[in-house]
Each structure stands twice: as structure tokens, then as C-alpha cells.
């Protein structure tokens, strides 16, 4: 076993672990800008709507 590649007990690993990543949706930048213009809301948090792309006035 090469000790240079071994994990240290209690150590940290950086990077993405594919088992922990769940794709929640994708929208284009143009979609986001169109939504902000339509609702006249430059401060709108687009992350809430990316999954299904449906934006409503709440």
C-alpha cells in the first residue's frame, strides 16, 4: 500500500463525492434574466425556481 495515497484518520478530503451530489435542475442564464425582467425583481432568488422552472407571484 502506498501511504501517500492513503486517507488520514480524521483528515479532510476536498472535491466532489459523486454519491453525495444530486442534480436538482438546470436553467439557462437567459431564462433567469427573462424571469427577473418579467417580474421586475432584480433581487429575485432564482435558486428557488431552477428545479422545475415554474415561477409564481407569492
C-alpha atoms as a PDB file:
ATOM      1  CA  UNK A   1       0.000   0.000   0.000  1.00  0.00           C
ATOM      2  CA  UNK A   2       1.295   3.434  -0.944  1.00  0.00           C
ATOM      3  CA  UNK A   3       0.968   5.642   2.129  1.00  0.00           C
ATOM      4  CA  UNK A   4       0.988   8.820   0.011  1.00  0.00           C
ATOM      5  CA  UNK A   5      -2.500   7.965  -1.307  1.00  0.00           C
ATOM      6  CA  UNK A   6      -3.974   6.740   1.982  1.00  0.00           C
ATOM      7  CA  UNK A   7      -6.553   8.800   3.873  1.00  0.00           C
ATOM      8  CA  UNK A   8      -5.540  10.075   7.263  1.00  0.00           C
ATOM      9  CA  UNK A   9      -7.882   9.245  10.140  1.00  0.00           C
ATOM     10  CA  UNK A  10      -9.770  12.433  10.998  1.00  0.00           C
ATOM     11  CA  UNK A  11      -8.450  14.159   7.881  1.00  0.00           C
ATOM     12  CA  UNK A  12     -10.396  16.056   5.223  1.00  0.00           C
ATOM     13  CA  UNK A  13     -10.883  15.267   1.555  1.00  0.00           C
ATOM     14  CA  UNK A  14     -11.598  18.063  -0.887  1.00  0.00           C
ATOM     15  CA  UNK A  15     -13.647  17.660  -4.038  1.00  0.00           C
ATOM     16  CA  UNK A  16     -16.999  16.332  -5.097  1.00  0.00           C
ATOM     17  CA  UNK A  17     -18.157  12.955  -3.869  1.00  0.00           C
ATOM     18  CA  UNK A  18     -20.479  11.657  -6.626  1.00  0.00           C
ATOM     19  CA  UNK A  19     -22.573   9.766  -4.104  1.00  0.00           C
ATOM     20  CA  UNK A  20     -23.487  12.999  -2.341  1.00  0.00           C
ATOM     21  CA  UNK A  21     -24.375  15.098  -5.403  1.00  0.00           C
ATOM     22  CA  UNK A  22     -27.984  15.244  -6.542  1.00  0.00           C
ATOM     23  CA  UNK A  23     -28.872  17.109  -9.712  1.00  0.00           C
ATOM     24  CA  UNK A  24     -31.778  19.432  -8.919  1.00  0.00           C
ATOM     25  CA  UNK A  25     -32.307  21.029 -12.321  1.00  0.00           C
ATOM     26  CA  UNK A  26     -30.747  23.317 -14.867  1.00  0.00           C
ATOM     27  CA  UNK A  27     -31.962  26.536 -16.444  1.00  0.00           C
ATOM     28  CA  UNK A  28     -30.174  28.872 -18.829  1.00  0.00           C
ATOM     29  CA  UNK A  29     -28.906  32.323 -17.938  1.00  0.00           C
ATOM     30  CA  UNK A  30     -31.358  33.739 -20.469  1.00  0.00           C
ATOM     31  CA  UNK A  31     -34.209  32.026 -18.587  1.00  0.00           C
ATOM     32  CA  UNK A  32     -33.079  33.692 -15.363  1.00  0.00           C
ATOM     33  CA  UNK A  33     -32.836  37.160 -16.903  1.00  0.00           C
ATOM     34  CA  UNK A  34     -36.236  36.763 -18.577  1.00  0.00           C
ATOM     35  CA  UNK A  35     -37.804  35.817 -15.222  1.00  0.00           C
ATOM     36  CA  UNK A  36     -36.223  38.816 -13.483  1.00  0.00           C
ATOM     37  CA  UNK A  37     -37.474  41.165 -16.200  1.00  0.00           C
ATOM     38  CA  UNK A  38     -40.980  39.665 -16.297  1.00  0.00           C
ATOM     39  CA  UNK A  39     -41.458  40.068 -12.540  1.00  0.00           C
ATOM     40  CA  UNK A  40     -39.434  43.308 -12.362  1.00  0.00           C
ATOM     41  CA  UNK A  41     -37.456  41.769  -9.498  1.00  0.00           C
ATOM     42  CA  UNK A  42     -33.667  42.040  -9.857  1.00  0.00           C
ATOM     43  CA  UNK A  43     -33.254  40.688  -6.295  1.00  0.00           C
ATOM     44  CA  UNK A  44     -35.282  37.515  -7.039  1.00  0.00           C
ATOM     45  CA  UNK A  45     -33.636  34.340  -5.695  1.00  0.00           C
ATOM     46  CA  UNK A  46     -33.625  32.153  -8.816  1.00  0.00           C
ATOM     47  CA  UNK A  47     -32.308  29.129  -6.906  1.00  0.00           C
ATOM     48  CA  UNK A  48     -35.829  28.552  -5.578  1.00  0.00           C
ATOM     49  CA  UNK A  49     -37.209  28.031  -9.078  1.00  0.00           C
ATOM     50  CA  UNK A  50     -34.454  26.250 -11.005  1.00  0.00           C
ATOM     51  CA  UNK A  51     -35.706  22.745 -10.236  1.00  0.00           C
ATOM     52  CA  UNK A  52     -38.983  22.938 -12.152  1.00  0.00           C
ATOM     53  CA  UNK A  53     -38.730  26.356 -13.813  1.00  0.00           C
ATOM     54  CA  UNK A  54     -42.145  27.493 -12.554  1.00  0.00           C
ATOM     55  CA  UNK A  55     -42.170  30.977 -11.048  1.00  0.00           C
ATOM     56  CA  UNK A  56     -45.298  32.405  -9.452  1.00  0.00           C
ATOM     57  CA  UNK A  57     -46.079  35.637  -7.647  1.00  0.00           C
ATOM     58  CA  UNK A  58     -46.267  34.819  -3.956  1.00  0.00           C
END
